[in-house]
């Protein structure tokens, strides 16, 4: 395998859709800024006056009343009076420092789509731009006041760095707004770090269509270690954190949305600057931000989202992690085609470049509707190819992903190339998006009924079909030729023929009627309900019941249980007491 080419850093005007129009570059514009920001600051309503003043030159001027109308019961953790004493003065101070922080002639670029692509295919390209923390605070302050306008040569949909929208207009979101304000309150309380390491770096990574900088087929790299953990990704000590992004980084944070990405940008407002510098990502690109600190704590998501106070930085020591923003393919479409699999794997591989340890989770499994186990496997492949030593997988809802732990145990001995070949065999008969049967196959892998078999051209699935056979005896079934049933119960014509239909039906009936082998170590139901014996997967306790005890406890065979949707399996396990 060819060595990965060195990262290429390029930047010229052809890579930009424009640059930020800094008000300090225009004497007339700066005079208005100074006059407005040097006005009275005696009560919260004075902030409303400033935001309203800057909106007067907008195509659709708006009146701000957020601070005049602020209800203290909105957030018990936010003290507006204290903010007016410390945070607001600092916001004005850093905003007025723009001429010193961005001297005349300074270019703050807005990188266009595909600008990260290198000159030739087969290497990984990079665009990079760095700012000090004080420069980030200055830009964020101007975005709050509305004095940083959209450049005239940039389309409205391409400029989303509009913090003011959290306070003015139809997208006002009180909890999102106070979470942002706490950023300046925290800086006022602790000071803006000015050390040589207090730099926030914004990178755009990408590769050109054509030969890849890496390979999947025949890749002999081992799979990295995986640890399933609870808690927030942004508290993890890993040096790289995955960010489940929109193609436009930041998503709907400026319109009051509060999913994973939006919440992350609110608690780490320095990430918002990426919304000013980076245009939409294409399939072959990722955006990474290094050095962004976490300033706030929150609780809940969506409508339950609330500001919960200042973040305790002892929960995650410095240095801050690199945040790798990656958008996923939409589930429900052709998500299981080879093209879709590679699209996500290659994007994640680019984003994970240089990571030693990675913190990630259910990427693309919320609003995008992807399959938890499939997205885990794609990230495992990408992290392993990138040379990641360990992947911390944050599992927020084990009802939807209780197969991941056994997948790690059953497949962890494979190489990257072997797991990729196995994934293709699992998915090809299920194209474009038969997630129901994919879930059944994952369950069969978890229980040992399906195994990777053979090597090279003979690779296939090994399915235990004869319970009386010796341990380890299995039949190799090339998955690309195996018949699969859709909702109608008919064979997939793309992977079967009329001639072998009867044989395939007989094979399936034998598999369905046969009972799997007894577990190597069996525990009683009482032992499993009382605790988790040594060597038992806590998320798969039922796998350690004897076949007879399993049928008595669940009222069905293991085969019947494995075909239930994940939520019904979880409900049954709770009822029995082994969840």
Protein backbone atom coordinates (compact mmCIF):
# COMPACT_ATOMS: atom_id res chain seq x y z
CA UNK A 1 0.00 0.00 0.00
CA UNK A 2 1.31 3.38 -0.95
CA UNK A 3 2.20 5.73 1.89
CA UNK A 4 -0.26 8.51 2.57
CA UNK A 5 0.99 11.69 0.93
CA UNK A 6 1.93 14.61 3.13
CA UNK A 7 -0.76 17.15 3.84
CA UNK A 8 -0.71 19.97 1.33
CA UNK A 9 -1.46 23.45 2.61
CA UNK A 10 -2.58 25.88 -0.08
CA UNK A 11 -4.33 29.21 -0.05
CA UNK A 12 -4.96 31.73 -2.80
CA UNK A 13 -7.84 33.88 -3.95
CA UNK A 14 -9.16 31.09 -6.18
CA UNK A 15 -9.89 29.06 -3.04
CA UNK A 16 -12.14 31.75 -1.55
CA UNK A 17 -15.73 32.79 -2.14
CA UNK A 18 -14.76 36.05 -0.46
CA UNK A 19 -13.45 37.46 2.78
CA UNK A 20 -15.02 38.97 5.87
CA UNK A 21 -15.77 42.67 5.57
CA UNK A 22 -14.33 44.04 8.81
CA UNK A 23 -15.97 47.32 9.85
CA UNK A 24 -12.58 48.60 11.03
CA UNK A 25 -11.38 48.61 7.39
CA UNK A 26 -13.80 51.43 6.53
CA UNK A 27 -13.40 54.79 8.34
CA UNK A 28 -17.09 55.58 7.90
CA UNK A 29 -18.27 52.18 9.11
CA UNK A 30 -15.88 52.26 12.05
CA UNK A 31 -17.08 55.69 13.09
CA UNK A 32 -20.63 54.28 13.37
CA UNK A 33 -19.33 51.32 15.39
CA UNK A 34 -17.46 53.57 17.81
CA UNK A 35 -20.39 55.95 18.23
CA UNK A 36 -22.80 53.08 18.92
CA UNK A 37 -20.61 50.98 21.21
CA UNK A 38 -19.40 53.97 23.21
CA UNK A 39 -22.98 54.97 24.02
CA UNK A 40 -24.65 54.55 27.42
CA UNK A 41 -24.38 51.13 29.10
CA UNK A 42 -26.36 51.52 32.27
CA UNK A 43 -29.06 48.86 31.94
CA UNK A 44 -29.89 45.78 29.82
CA UNK A 45 -32.10 47.85 27.52
CA UNK A 46 -29.00 49.67 26.30
CA UNK A 47 -27.87 46.44 24.63
CA UNK A 48 -31.22 46.34 22.81
CA UNK A 49 -30.56 49.87 21.57
CA UNK A 50 -27.16 48.88 20.16
CA UNK A 51 -28.48 45.82 18.31
CA UNK A 52 -31.38 47.83 16.91
CA UNK A 53 -29.03 50.59 15.76
CA UNK A 54 -26.80 48.21 13.79
CA UNK A 55 -29.89 46.62 12.20
CA UNK A 56 -31.02 49.91 10.68
CA UNK A 57 -28.81 49.41 7.60
CA UNK A 58 -30.04 45.83 6.99
CA UNK A 59 -32.42 45.07 4.10
CA UNK A 60 -35.02 44.17 6.74
CA UNK A 61 -34.33 46.23 9.88
CA UNK A 62 -35.39 44.66 13.17
CA UNK A 63 -35.98 45.98 16.67
CA UNK A 64 -34.32 44.13 19.55
CA UNK A 65 -36.15 43.84 22.87
CA UNK A 66 -34.52 40.67 24.19
CA UNK A 67 -32.81 42.30 27.15
CA UNK A 68 -35.71 44.61 28.04
CA UNK A 69 -38.13 41.65 28.02
CA UNK A 70 -35.75 39.12 29.62
CA UNK A 71 -37.53 36.83 32.07
CA UNK A 72 -35.18 35.73 34.91
CA UNK A 73 -37.17 32.51 35.28
CA UNK A 74 -36.05 31.49 31.78
CA UNK A 75 -32.80 30.25 33.24
CA UNK A 76 -32.11 30.10 36.96
CA UNK A 77 -28.43 29.52 36.16
CA UNK A 78 -27.93 32.82 34.31
CA UNK A 79 -27.57 36.11 36.19
CA UNK A 80 -28.24 38.98 33.79
CA UNK A 81 -27.29 41.62 36.37
CA UNK A 82 -23.90 40.01 36.89
CA UNK A 83 -23.42 39.77 33.12
CA UNK A 84 -24.09 43.49 32.76
CA UNK A 85 -21.34 44.18 35.30
CA UNK A 86 -18.67 41.96 33.73
CA UNK A 87 -19.56 40.19 30.46
CA UNK A 88 -21.13 43.12 28.61
CA UNK A 89 -18.20 45.51 29.27
CA UNK A 90 -15.77 42.87 28.01
CA UNK A 91 -17.86 42.36 24.88
CA UNK A 92 -17.65 46.09 24.15
CA UNK A 93 -13.92 46.15 24.91
CA UNK A 94 -12.93 43.37 22.51
CA UNK A 95 -15.24 44.69 19.80
CA UNK A 96 -13.56 48.10 19.95
CA UNK A 97 -10.12 46.43 19.73
CA UNK A 98 -10.75 45.30 16.14
CA UNK A 99 -8.31 47.79 14.51
CA UNK A 100 -5.48 46.50 16.73
CA UNK A 101 -6.46 42.82 16.47
CA UNK A 102 -7.00 42.96 12.69
CA UNK A 103 -4.64 45.63 11.29
CA UNK A 104 -5.44 47.23 7.96
CA UNK A 105 -4.89 44.79 5.10
CA UNK A 106 -5.68 41.68 7.18
CA UNK A 107 -7.59 39.11 5.16
CA UNK A 108 -10.03 36.85 7.00
CA UNK A 109 -10.87 34.26 4.32
CA UNK A 110 -14.12 32.48 3.53
CA UNK A 111 -13.08 29.17 1.97
CA UNK A 112 -15.23 27.81 -0.82
CA UNK A 113 -16.42 24.28 -1.44
CA UNK A 114 -13.65 21.95 -2.69
CA UNK A 115 -10.96 24.49 -1.80
CA UNK A 116 -9.26 21.79 0.27
CA UNK A 117 -8.80 19.51 -2.72
CA UNK A 118 -5.13 19.05 -3.63
CA UNK A 119 -3.87 19.56 -7.15
CA UNK A 120 -3.89 15.83 -7.89
CA UNK A 121 -5.91 12.87 -6.69
CA UNK A 122 -4.29 10.47 -4.24
CA UNK A 123 -3.30 12.95 -1.52
CA UNK A 124 -5.05 14.78 1.30
CA UNK A 125 -5.25 18.54 0.99
CA UNK A 126 -5.69 21.13 3.72
CA UNK A 127 -6.63 24.77 4.10
CA UNK A 128 -5.76 26.30 7.46
CA UNK A 129 -6.37 29.62 9.21
CA UNK A 130 -5.58 30.47 12.83
CA UNK A 131 -6.85 33.13 15.23
CA UNK A 132 -6.02 34.04 18.81
CA UNK A 133 -8.75 33.67 21.43
CA UNK A 134 -9.06 37.44 21.62
CA UNK A 135 -9.50 37.68 17.85
CA UNK A 136 -12.24 35.02 18.06
CA UNK A 137 -13.94 36.97 20.86
CA UNK A 138 -13.76 40.15 18.76
CA UNK A 139 -15.45 38.52 15.75
CA UNK A 140 -18.09 36.91 17.99
CA UNK A 141 -18.83 40.26 19.64
CA UNK A 142 -19.37 41.94 16.28
CA UNK A 143 -21.55 39.02 15.14
CA UNK A 144 -23.62 39.55 18.31
CA UNK A 145 -24.06 43.28 17.75
CA UNK A 146 -24.78 42.83 14.04
CA UNK A 147 -21.92 45.10 12.99
CA UNK A 148 -20.24 42.32 10.98
CA UNK A 149 -22.27 42.26 7.78
CA UNK A 150 -22.52 39.66 5.04
CA UNK A 151 -19.95 40.41 2.32
CA UNK A 152 -21.66 41.66 -0.87
CA UNK A 153 -20.12 38.90 -3.01
CA UNK A 154 -21.36 36.10 -0.70
CA UNK A 155 -24.84 34.64 -1.12
CA UNK A 156 -27.17 34.88 1.91
CA UNK A 157 -27.31 31.10 2.28
CA UNK A 158 -23.51 30.97 2.39
CA UNK A 159 -23.15 33.38 5.33
CA UNK A 160 -24.51 32.01 8.60
CA UNK A 161 -22.25 33.71 11.12
CA UNK A 162 -25.14 35.67 12.63
CA UNK A 163 -25.15 35.41 16.43
CA UNK A 164 -27.52 38.39 16.51
CA UNK A 165 -30.31 36.11 15.23
CA UNK A 166 -30.44 34.46 18.67
CA UNK A 167 -31.59 37.81 20.11
CA UNK A 168 -33.51 39.51 17.28
CA UNK A 169 -36.21 38.29 14.92
CA UNK A 170 -38.24 35.09 14.68
CA UNK A 171 -35.50 32.67 15.80
CA UNK A 172 -34.98 34.14 19.28
CA UNK A 173 -34.06 31.33 21.67
CA UNK A 174 -33.58 32.46 25.31
CA UNK A 175 -31.64 29.41 26.53
CA UNK A 176 -29.40 29.38 23.47
CA UNK A 177 -28.90 33.13 23.88
CA UNK A 178 -27.86 33.01 27.54
CA UNK A 179 -25.54 30.07 26.85
CA UNK A 180 -23.75 32.25 24.32
CA UNK A 181 -23.66 35.24 26.70
CA UNK A 182 -22.03 33.06 29.36
CA UNK A 183 -19.02 32.78 27.04
CA UNK A 184 -18.27 36.47 27.57
CA UNK A 185 -19.19 36.22 31.23
CA UNK A 186 -16.68 33.39 31.66
CA UNK A 187 -13.95 35.31 29.82
CA UNK A 188 -14.62 38.32 32.07
CA UNK A 189 -14.36 36.20 35.22
CA UNK A 190 -11.22 34.30 34.25
CA UNK A 191 -9.57 36.54 31.65
CA UNK A 192 -8.86 35.85 27.99
CA UNK A 193 -5.88 33.47 27.79
CA UNK A 194 -3.08 35.09 25.80
CA UNK A 195 -0.41 32.35 25.83
CA UNK A 196 1.37 30.98 22.76
CA UNK A 197 -0.86 27.90 22.84
CA UNK A 198 -4.10 29.90 23.01
CA UNK A 199 -4.69 29.69 19.30
CA UNK A 200 -7.81 28.39 17.58
CA UNK A 201 -7.04 26.76 14.23
CA UNK A 202 -9.66 26.19 11.54
CA UNK A 203 -8.83 23.51 8.97
CA UNK A 204 -10.58 22.28 5.88
CA UNK A 205 -9.44 18.79 4.84
CA UNK A 206 -10.30 17.13 1.57
CA UNK A 207 -9.33 14.81 -1.25
CA UNK A 208 -9.99 14.95 -4.96
CA UNK A 209 -12.26 12.49 -6.72
CA UNK A 210 -10.27 9.64 -8.20
CA UNK A 211 -7.63 7.42 -6.58
CA UNK A 212 -7.85 7.77 -2.81
CA UNK A 213 -4.99 8.67 -0.45
CA UNK A 214 -5.70 5.34 1.29
CA UNK A 215 -7.19 2.00 0.36
CA UNK A 216 -9.83 -0.24 1.88
CA UNK A 217 -9.61 -3.45 -0.11
CA UNK A 218 -6.79 -5.64 1.16
CA UNK A 219 -5.83 -3.13 3.86
CA UNK A 220 -3.80 -5.06 6.44
CA UNK A 221 -3.97 -2.52 9.27
CA UNK A 222 -5.46 -3.98 12.47
CA UNK A 223 -8.73 -2.69 13.85
CA UNK A 224 -8.22 -0.23 16.68
CA UNK A 225 -9.31 -0.87 20.25
CA UNK A 226 -12.81 0.30 21.16
CA UNK A 227 -14.16 1.22 24.58
CA UNK A 228 -17.87 1.83 25.05
CA UNK A 229 -18.41 4.71 27.46
CA UNK A 230 -21.20 6.88 28.82
CA UNK A 231 -21.29 10.64 29.19
CA UNK A 232 -20.77 13.54 26.80
CA UNK A 233 -18.25 13.30 23.99
CA UNK A 234 -16.92 16.77 24.83
CA UNK A 235 -15.86 15.58 28.32
CA UNK A 236 -13.71 12.76 26.92
CA UNK A 237 -9.92 12.97 27.27
CA UNK A 238 -9.36 11.86 23.64
CA UNK A 239 -7.38 14.27 21.48
CA UNK A 240 -9.98 14.25 18.66
CA UNK A 241 -13.75 14.55 19.11
CA UNK A 242 -16.14 13.74 16.27
CA UNK A 243 -18.80 16.38 15.63
CA UNK A 244 -21.97 15.16 13.93
CA UNK A 245 -22.34 18.07 11.57
CA UNK A 246 -24.54 19.60 8.96
CA UNK A 247 -22.87 20.15 5.58
CA UNK A 248 -22.91 23.80 6.69
CA UNK A 249 -20.94 23.58 9.94
CA UNK A 250 -22.89 24.82 12.92
CA UNK A 251 -26.19 23.64 11.48
CA UNK A 252 -29.11 25.55 12.93
CA UNK A 253 -27.35 26.98 15.98
CA UNK A 254 -28.23 30.56 14.96
CA UNK A 255 -31.90 29.66 14.53
CA UNK A 256 -32.38 28.17 17.99
CA UNK A 257 -31.93 24.48 17.14
CA UNK A 258 -30.42 22.43 19.95
CA UNK A 259 -29.32 19.05 18.61
CA UNK A 260 -25.82 17.67 19.20
CA UNK A 261 -24.01 20.02 16.82
CA UNK A 262 -25.87 23.16 17.86
CA UNK A 263 -25.36 22.45 21.56
CA UNK A 264 -21.64 21.93 21.02
CA UNK A 265 -21.31 25.26 19.22
CA UNK A 266 -23.18 27.03 22.03
CA UNK A 267 -20.96 25.65 24.80
CA UNK A 268 -17.87 26.25 22.64
CA UNK A 269 -18.65 29.53 20.84
CA UNK A 270 -15.16 29.71 19.31
CA UNK A 271 -16.43 26.93 17.01
CA UNK A 272 -18.95 29.42 15.61
CA UNK A 273 -16.13 31.29 13.91
CA UNK A 274 -15.90 28.30 11.54
CA UNK A 275 -19.32 29.37 10.26
CA UNK A 276 -17.69 32.60 9.07
CA UNK A 277 -14.64 30.95 7.50
CA UNK A 278 -15.99 27.75 5.95
CA UNK A 279 -18.51 27.30 3.17
CA UNK A 280 -20.54 24.14 2.75
CA UNK A 281 -18.65 20.83 2.88
CA UNK A 282 -18.89 18.51 -0.12
CA UNK A 283 -18.72 14.72 0.18
CA UNK A 284 -14.93 14.71 0.00
CA UNK A 285 -14.36 17.30 2.76
CA UNK A 286 -14.31 17.67 6.54
CA UNK A 287 -13.83 20.73 8.74
CA UNK A 288 -11.71 20.52 11.89
CA UNK A 289 -11.22 23.08 14.66
CA UNK A 290 -8.39 22.82 17.18
CA UNK A 291 -8.17 24.75 20.43
CA UNK A 292 -11.82 25.68 21.06
CA UNK A 293 -12.54 25.74 24.80
CA UNK A 294 -15.77 24.70 26.52
CA UNK A 295 -17.29 27.50 28.61
CA UNK A 296 -20.83 26.39 29.52
CA UNK A 297 -22.79 23.40 30.78
CA UNK A 298 -26.25 22.56 29.48
CA UNK A 299 -28.91 19.94 29.96
CA UNK A 300 -31.35 18.36 27.53
CA UNK A 301 -31.71 18.63 23.77
CA UNK A 302 -34.27 20.23 21.50
CA UNK A 303 -37.21 21.71 23.38
CA UNK A 304 -35.78 20.51 26.73
CA UNK A 305 -32.45 22.30 26.17
CA UNK A 306 -31.41 24.55 29.08
CA UNK A 307 -28.36 26.51 30.15
CA UNK A 308 -26.96 24.90 33.32
CA UNK A 309 -24.10 27.20 34.35
CA UNK A 310 -20.39 27.54 33.81
CA UNK A 311 -18.43 24.47 32.73
CA UNK A 312 -16.13 22.87 35.28
CA UNK A 313 -12.89 22.55 33.30
CA UNK A 314 -11.50 20.02 35.77
CA UNK A 315 -13.80 17.51 34.02
CA UNK A 316 -11.54 17.64 30.98
CA UNK A 317 -7.96 18.90 31.33
CA UNK A 318 -6.21 20.99 28.68
CA UNK A 319 -5.31 21.06 25.87
CA UNK A 320 -8.70 21.30 24.19
CA UNK A 321 -9.42 18.54 21.66
CA UNK A 322 -9.57 18.90 17.92
CA UNK A 323 -13.22 18.90 16.86
CA UNK A 324 -13.77 16.99 13.59
CA UNK A 325 -16.99 18.04 11.85
CA UNK A 326 -18.40 15.36 9.53
CA UNK A 327 -21.84 15.21 7.93
CA UNK A 328 -23.36 11.80 7.21
CA UNK A 329 -25.30 10.40 4.29
CA UNK A 330 -29.05 10.43 4.85
CA UNK A 331 -30.56 7.17 6.07
CA UNK A 332 -33.62 5.82 4.33
CA UNK A 333 -32.17 6.35 0.85
CA UNK A 334 -29.50 4.21 -0.83
CA UNK A 335 -27.58 4.12 2.47
CA UNK A 336 -26.33 0.55 2.02
CA UNK A 337 -24.88 0.92 -1.45
CA UNK A 338 -21.11 0.66 -1.71
CA UNK A 339 -20.97 4.26 -2.88
CA UNK A 340 -22.81 5.49 0.23
CA UNK A 341 -20.65 3.38 2.54
CA UNK A 342 -17.47 4.73 0.99
CA UNK A 343 -18.77 8.28 1.04
CA UNK A 344 -19.04 8.25 4.85
CA UNK A 345 -15.93 6.16 5.46
CA UNK A 346 -13.73 8.42 3.33
CA UNK A 347 -15.08 11.61 4.91
CA UNK A 348 -14.50 10.22 8.41
CA UNK A 349 -11.05 8.97 7.41
CA UNK A 350 -10.04 12.46 6.30
CA UNK A 351 -11.40 14.00 9.52
CA UNK A 352 -9.60 11.48 11.74
CA UNK A 353 -6.19 12.16 10.18
CA UNK A 354 -3.54 12.38 12.90
CA UNK A 355 -5.80 11.30 15.77
CA UNK A 356 -4.27 9.23 18.55
CA UNK A 357 -7.48 8.68 20.48
CA UNK A 358 -10.97 9.39 19.12
CA UNK A 359 -14.22 10.15 20.92
CA UNK A 360 -17.33 9.54 18.86
CA UNK A 361 -20.80 8.02 19.02
CA UNK A 362 -23.98 7.55 17.01
CA UNK A 363 -23.03 9.66 14.02
CA UNK A 364 -25.95 10.39 11.69
CA UNK A 365 -28.41 8.31 13.73
CA UNK A 366 -30.70 11.10 14.93
CA UNK A 367 -32.40 13.34 12.42
CA UNK A 368 -30.49 11.66 9.58
CA UNK A 369 -32.03 8.28 10.47
CA UNK A 370 -29.05 5.98 9.94
CA UNK A 371 -28.52 2.52 11.45
CA UNK A 372 -26.53 2.62 14.71
CA UNK A 373 -24.53 -0.55 14.11
CA UNK A 374 -23.75 0.34 10.50
CA UNK A 375 -22.48 3.80 11.46
CA UNK A 376 -20.35 2.26 14.21
CA UNK A 377 -18.68 -0.11 11.74
CA UNK A 378 -18.00 2.71 9.26
CA UNK A 379 -16.33 4.82 11.95
CA UNK A 380 -14.37 1.82 13.26
CA UNK A 381 -12.98 1.26 9.78
CA UNK A 382 -12.13 4.94 9.28
CA UNK A 383 -10.46 5.31 12.67
CA UNK A 384 -8.45 2.13 12.22
CA UNK A 385 -7.22 3.15 8.76
CA UNK A 386 -6.20 6.54 10.19
CA UNK A 387 -4.03 4.80 12.79
CA UNK A 388 -6.18 5.71 15.79
CA UNK A 389 -4.94 3.84 18.85
CA UNK A 390 -8.27 3.76 20.68
CA UNK A 391 -11.82 4.79 19.89
CA UNK A 392 -14.09 5.83 22.76
CA UNK A 393 -17.63 5.12 21.62
CA UNK A 394 -20.19 7.14 23.55
CA UNK A 395 -23.33 5.05 23.72
CA UNK A 396 -26.26 7.23 24.73
CA UNK A 397 -29.09 4.77 24.03
CA UNK A 398 -28.23 1.12 24.32
CA UNK A 399 -31.74 0.13 23.35
CA UNK A 400 -30.70 1.09 19.82
CA UNK A 401 -27.14 -0.26 19.82
CA UNK A 402 -26.85 -3.19 22.18
CA UNK A 403 -25.09 -5.24 19.47
CA UNK A 404 -22.01 -3.01 19.37
CA UNK A 405 -20.26 -4.65 22.33
CA UNK A 406 -20.52 -8.19 20.86
CA UNK A 407 -19.57 -6.85 17.42
CA UNK A 408 -16.30 -5.62 18.91
CA UNK A 409 -15.63 -9.04 20.43
CA UNK A 410 -16.66 -11.03 17.37
CA UNK A 411 -14.93 -8.91 14.72
CA UNK A 412 -12.02 -7.26 16.55
CA UNK A 413 -9.49 -9.79 15.25
CA UNK A 414 -10.04 -8.77 11.62
CA UNK A 415 -7.96 -6.35 9.60
CA UNK A 416 -9.41 -3.21 8.02
CA UNK A 417 -9.54 -4.95 4.64
CA UNK A 418 -11.22 -8.04 6.07
CA UNK A 419 -13.91 -6.06 7.89
CA UNK A 420 -14.54 -3.97 4.77
CA UNK A 421 -14.98 -7.14 2.68
CA UNK A 422 -17.28 -8.58 5.34
CA UNK A 423 -19.36 -5.40 5.45
CA UNK A 424 -19.79 -5.52 1.68
CA UNK A 425 -21.00 -9.12 1.91
CA UNK A 426 -23.45 -8.15 4.62
CA UNK A 427 -24.83 -5.18 2.73
CA UNK A 428 -24.82 -6.03 -0.98
CA UNK A 429 -27.93 -8.24 -0.90
CA UNK A 430 -29.72 -5.53 1.11
CA UNK A 431 -29.19 -2.63 -1.31
CA UNK A 432 -30.45 0.04 -1.38
CA UNK A 433 -31.58 0.24 2.25
CA UNK A 434 -32.98 -2.96 3.78
CA UNK A 435 -32.16 -2.01 7.37
CA UNK A 436 -34.55 -4.57 8.82
CA UNK A 437 -32.63 -7.53 7.43
CA UNK A 438 -29.33 -5.82 8.23
CA UNK A 439 -30.43 -5.74 11.89
CA UNK A 440 -31.14 -9.46 11.74
CA UNK A 441 -27.69 -10.15 10.33
CA UNK A 442 -26.00 -8.01 12.97
CA UNK A 443 -27.91 -9.91 15.66
CA UNK A 444 -26.75 -13.18 14.12
CA UNK A 445 -23.14 -11.99 14.19
CA UNK A 446 -23.55 -10.96 17.83
CA UNK A 447 -24.80 -14.41 18.82
CA UNK A 448 -22.20 -16.26 16.74
CA UNK A 449 -24.65 -17.58 14.15
CA UNK A 450 -22.89 -15.68 11.37
CA UNK A 451 -19.14 -15.41 11.14
CA UNK A 452 -16.59 -14.13 8.63
CA UNK A 453 -15.26 -17.17 6.81
CA UNK A 454 -12.56 -17.96 4.29
CA UNK A 455 -10.18 -15.45 2.82
CA UNK A 456 -9.62 -13.65 -0.44
CA UNK A 457 -11.97 -14.79 -3.19
CA UNK A 458 -13.56 -17.47 -0.98
CA UNK A 459 -14.54 -15.05 1.76
CA UNK A 460 -18.09 -15.52 2.89
CA UNK A 461 -20.28 -15.91 5.95
CA UNK A 462 -20.08 -18.98 8.12
CA UNK A 463 -23.52 -19.86 9.42
CA UNK A 464 -24.03 -22.50 12.15
CA UNK A 465 -26.94 -24.58 10.90
CA UNK A 466 -26.51 -27.99 12.55
CA UNK A 467 -26.78 -27.92 16.33
CA UNK A 468 -25.51 -31.47 16.53
CA UNK A 469 -22.26 -30.69 14.74
CA UNK A 470 -18.98 -30.40 16.56
CA UNK A 471 -18.12 -27.05 18.05
CA UNK A 472 -16.71 -24.75 15.42
CA UNK A 473 -18.23 -26.67 12.51
CA UNK A 474 -19.94 -24.27 10.14
CA UNK A 475 -21.07 -23.93 6.58
CA UNK A 476 -19.57 -21.24 4.40
CA UNK A 477 -22.24 -19.30 2.54
CA UNK A 478 -21.01 -16.71 0.05
CA UNK A 479 -23.25 -13.83 1.03
CA UNK A 480 -23.29 -12.30 -2.44
CA UNK A 481 -25.18 -15.41 -3.63
CA UNK A 482 -27.42 -15.87 -0.62
CA UNK A 483 -31.12 -15.26 -1.09
CA UNK A 484 -32.69 -12.62 1.11
CA UNK A 485 -36.33 -11.96 1.87
CA UNK A 486 -37.94 -8.58 1.57
CA UNK A 487 -41.17 -7.50 3.17
CA UNK A 488 -43.15 -9.62 0.70
CA UNK A 489 -41.20 -12.74 1.67
CA UNK A 490 -40.01 -13.29 -1.91
CA UNK A 491 -36.40 -13.87 -2.90
CA UNK A 492 -34.30 -10.97 -4.11
CA UNK A 493 -34.02 -11.58 -7.89
CA UNK A 494 -30.66 -9.79 -7.98
CA UNK A 495 -29.10 -12.48 -5.80
CA UNK A 496 -30.94 -15.72 -6.58
CA UNK A 497 -32.19 -17.79 -9.52
CA UNK A 498 -35.29 -19.87 -10.12
CA UNK A 499 -33.17 -23.00 -10.39
CA UNK A 500 -31.85 -22.79 -6.84
CA UNK A 501 -35.01 -21.34 -5.28
CA UNK A 502 -36.19 -24.62 -3.75
CA UNK A 503 -32.76 -25.36 -2.31
CA UNK A 504 -32.54 -21.86 -0.87
CA UNK A 505 -35.96 -22.16 0.72
CA UNK A 506 -35.04 -25.50 2.27
CA UNK A 507 -31.79 -24.04 3.59
CA UNK A 508 -33.64 -21.10 5.17
CA UNK A 509 -36.26 -23.40 6.71
CA UNK A 510 -33.53 -25.56 8.21
CA UNK A 511 -31.82 -22.49 9.66
CA UNK A 512 -35.06 -21.11 11.07
CA UNK A 513 -36.14 -24.41 12.65
CA UNK A 514 -32.73 -25.34 14.10
CA UNK A 515 -31.72 -24.11 17.51
CA UNK A 516 -28.28 -22.51 17.99
CA UNK A 517 -25.62 -24.26 20.01
CA UNK A 518 -25.72 -23.96 23.77
CA UNK A 519 -23.49 -21.15 25.13
CA UNK A 520 -20.03 -22.28 26.22
CA UNK A 521 -20.78 -21.06 29.76
CA UNK A 522 -24.37 -21.11 31.02
CA UNK A 523 -25.88 -19.20 33.94
CA UNK A 524 -29.33 -19.51 35.44
CA UNK A 525 -31.89 -16.74 35.03
CA UNK A 526 -31.72 -16.01 38.75
CA UNK A 527 -27.93 -15.46 38.55
CA UNK A 528 -28.27 -13.12 35.60
CA UNK A 529 -31.11 -11.13 37.17
CA UNK A 530 -29.10 -10.75 40.40
CA UNK A 531 -26.02 -9.33 38.68
CA UNK A 532 -23.53 -9.75 35.85
CA UNK A 533 -21.24 -12.77 36.29
CA UNK A 534 -17.62 -12.51 35.17
CA UNK A 535 -17.17 -12.89 31.43
CA UNK A 536 -20.77 -11.99 30.59
CA UNK A 537 -21.51 -9.04 28.34
CA UNK A 538 -23.75 -6.78 30.49
CA UNK A 539 -25.69 -5.76 27.39
CA UNK A 540 -26.23 -9.36 26.25
CA UNK A 541 -26.99 -11.24 29.46
CA UNK A 542 -29.66 -13.31 27.74
CA UNK A 543 -26.94 -14.89 25.61
CA UNK A 544 -25.72 -16.81 28.68
CA UNK A 545 -29.04 -18.60 29.28
CA UNK A 546 -29.41 -22.20 28.17
CA UNK A 547 -31.68 -22.68 25.18
CA UNK A 548 -34.38 -24.18 27.39
CA UNK A 549 -34.15 -21.38 29.97
CA UNK A 550 -34.18 -18.78 27.21
CA UNK A 551 -37.38 -20.21 25.71
CA UNK A 552 -39.02 -20.46 29.13
CA UNK A 553 -38.09 -16.88 30.07
CA UNK A 554 -38.92 -15.15 26.78
CA UNK A 555 -41.64 -17.44 25.44
CA UNK A 556 -39.80 -17.84 22.13
CA UNK A 557 -36.63 -19.31 20.68
CA UNK A 558 -33.38 -17.39 20.19
CA UNK A 559 -34.04 -17.33 16.44
CA UNK A 560 -37.45 -15.78 16.93
CA UNK A 561 -36.04 -13.27 19.43
CA UNK A 562 -33.25 -12.19 17.06
CA UNK A 563 -35.83 -11.20 14.45
CA UNK A 564 -37.60 -8.76 16.75
CA UNK A 565 -36.88 -5.05 16.30
CA UNK A 566 -34.40 -3.63 18.78
CA UNK A 567 -37.02 -1.83 20.83
CA UNK A 568 -39.06 -5.02 21.32
CA UNK A 569 -35.95 -6.95 22.30
CA UNK A 570 -35.16 -4.29 24.87
CA UNK A 571 -38.70 -4.35 26.25
CA UNK A 572 -38.62 -8.15 26.53
CA UNK A 573 -35.28 -8.06 28.34
CA UNK A 574 -36.59 -5.48 30.80
CA UNK A 575 -39.64 -7.63 31.50
CA UNK A 576 -37.47 -10.69 32.17
CA UNK A 577 -35.00 -8.65 34.25
CA UNK A 578 -31.80 -9.04 32.22
CA UNK A 579 -31.62 -5.56 30.66
